[in-house]
């Protein structure tokens, strides 16, 4: 879920970074129709080759296995999956 830099054995400031998959799961659950959320989700999903609604649900369930995904969120994720397949905007 997270990677550390520098490695555990080195001295220095420890920075934790979320993996792209974890970022995608967080953004899918906290999606807002305004702002850059949709662009971020589409780009992350394309980069991770999560191109179907099932792929997106798998990512969410992997990182949030106990999360109850509400019906409106399911509809949003399905809509996002369709947008992943839409032509890229320049």
Protein backbone atom coordinates (compact mmCIF):
# COMPACT_ATOMS: atom_id res chain seq x y z
CA UNK A 1 0.00 0.00 0.00
CA UNK A 2 2.83 2.36 0.83
CA UNK A 3 6.50 2.56 -0.03
CA UNK A 4 9.13 4.23 2.13
CA UNK A 5 12.00 6.44 1.10
CA UNK A 6 14.76 6.17 2.13
CA UNK A 7 14.68 2.46 2.86
CA UNK A 8 13.99 1.26 6.41
CA UNK A 9 17.72 0.73 7.06
CA UNK A 10 18.84 4.26 6.17
CA UNK A 11 18.79 7.36 8.32
CA UNK A 12 16.93 10.43 7.21
CA UNK A 13 13.49 11.87 6.74
CA UNK A 14 11.00 9.08 6.12
CA UNK A 15 8.45 9.81 3.40
CA UNK A 16 5.54 7.47 2.75
CA UNK A 17 4.00 7.50 -0.69
CA UNK A 18 0.77 5.79 -1.69
CA UNK A 19 0.86 3.38 -4.60
CA UNK A 20 -1.03 4.39 -7.77
CA UNK A 21 -3.54 1.58 -7.11
CA UNK A 22 -4.27 2.91 -3.62
CA UNK A 23 -4.65 6.45 -4.95
CA UNK A 24 -7.14 5.15 -7.52
CA UNK A 25 -9.18 3.36 -4.85
CA UNK A 26 -9.23 6.49 -2.65
CA UNK A 27 -10.26 8.71 -5.54
CA UNK A 28 -13.01 6.31 -6.64
CA UNK A 29 -14.55 6.33 -3.18
CA UNK A 30 -14.24 10.07 -2.65
CA UNK A 31 -15.10 11.08 -6.22
CA UNK A 32 -16.62 14.52 -6.69
CA UNK A 33 -18.14 15.50 -10.02
CA UNK A 34 -16.37 18.87 -9.96
CA UNK A 35 -12.69 19.64 -9.93
CA UNK A 36 -10.02 17.34 -11.32
CA UNK A 37 -11.17 14.09 -9.74
CA UNK A 38 -12.58 12.63 -12.94
CA UNK A 39 -9.49 13.48 -14.99
CA UNK A 40 -7.24 12.02 -12.29
CA UNK A 41 -9.27 8.82 -12.05
CA UNK A 42 -9.40 8.30 -15.81
CA UNK A 43 -5.65 8.89 -16.22
CA UNK A 44 -4.74 6.62 -13.29
CA UNK A 45 -7.09 3.89 -14.48
CA UNK A 46 -5.71 4.01 -18.02
CA UNK A 47 -2.14 3.90 -16.74
CA UNK A 48 -2.96 0.92 -14.49
CA UNK A 49 -4.95 -0.76 -17.25
CA UNK A 50 -8.07 -0.83 -15.08
CA UNK A 51 -10.44 -0.29 -17.96
CA UNK A 52 -13.69 -1.93 -16.87
CA UNK A 53 -16.10 -1.31 -14.04
CA UNK A 54 -15.19 -4.75 -12.67
CA UNK A 55 -11.49 -3.78 -12.64
CA UNK A 56 -12.31 -0.57 -10.76
CA UNK A 57 -14.46 -2.41 -8.21
CA UNK A 58 -11.65 -4.93 -7.68
CA UNK A 59 -9.22 -2.12 -6.83
CA UNK A 60 -11.69 -0.58 -4.37
CA UNK A 61 -12.42 -3.93 -2.70
CA UNK A 62 -8.72 -4.76 -2.46
CA UNK A 63 -7.94 -1.64 -0.41
CA UNK A 64 -11.34 -1.24 1.28
CA UNK A 65 -12.65 -4.80 1.76
CA UNK A 66 -15.15 -3.82 4.46
CA UNK A 67 -16.43 -0.68 2.73
CA UNK A 68 -20.11 -0.68 1.81
CA UNK A 69 -20.25 0.78 -1.70
CA UNK A 70 -23.49 2.70 -2.03
CA UNK A 71 -25.71 2.27 -5.12
CA UNK A 72 -25.04 5.82 -6.32
CA UNK A 73 -21.28 5.20 -6.04
CA UNK A 74 -21.69 2.00 -8.09
CA UNK A 75 -23.42 4.03 -10.81
CA UNK A 76 -20.64 6.65 -10.71
CA UNK A 77 -17.94 3.99 -11.06
CA UNK A 78 -19.75 2.42 -14.01
CA UNK A 79 -20.01 5.83 -15.64
CA UNK A 80 -16.29 6.43 -15.04
CA UNK A 81 -15.50 3.07 -16.69
CA UNK A 82 -17.34 4.22 -19.81
CA UNK A 83 -15.34 7.46 -19.82
CA UNK A 84 -12.08 5.53 -19.63
CA UNK A 85 -12.94 4.14 -23.06
CA UNK A 86 -13.90 7.54 -24.49
CA UNK A 87 -11.41 9.14 -26.88
CA UNK A 88 -8.59 11.03 -25.15
CA UNK A 89 -8.99 14.80 -25.03
CA UNK A 90 -5.92 16.72 -26.24
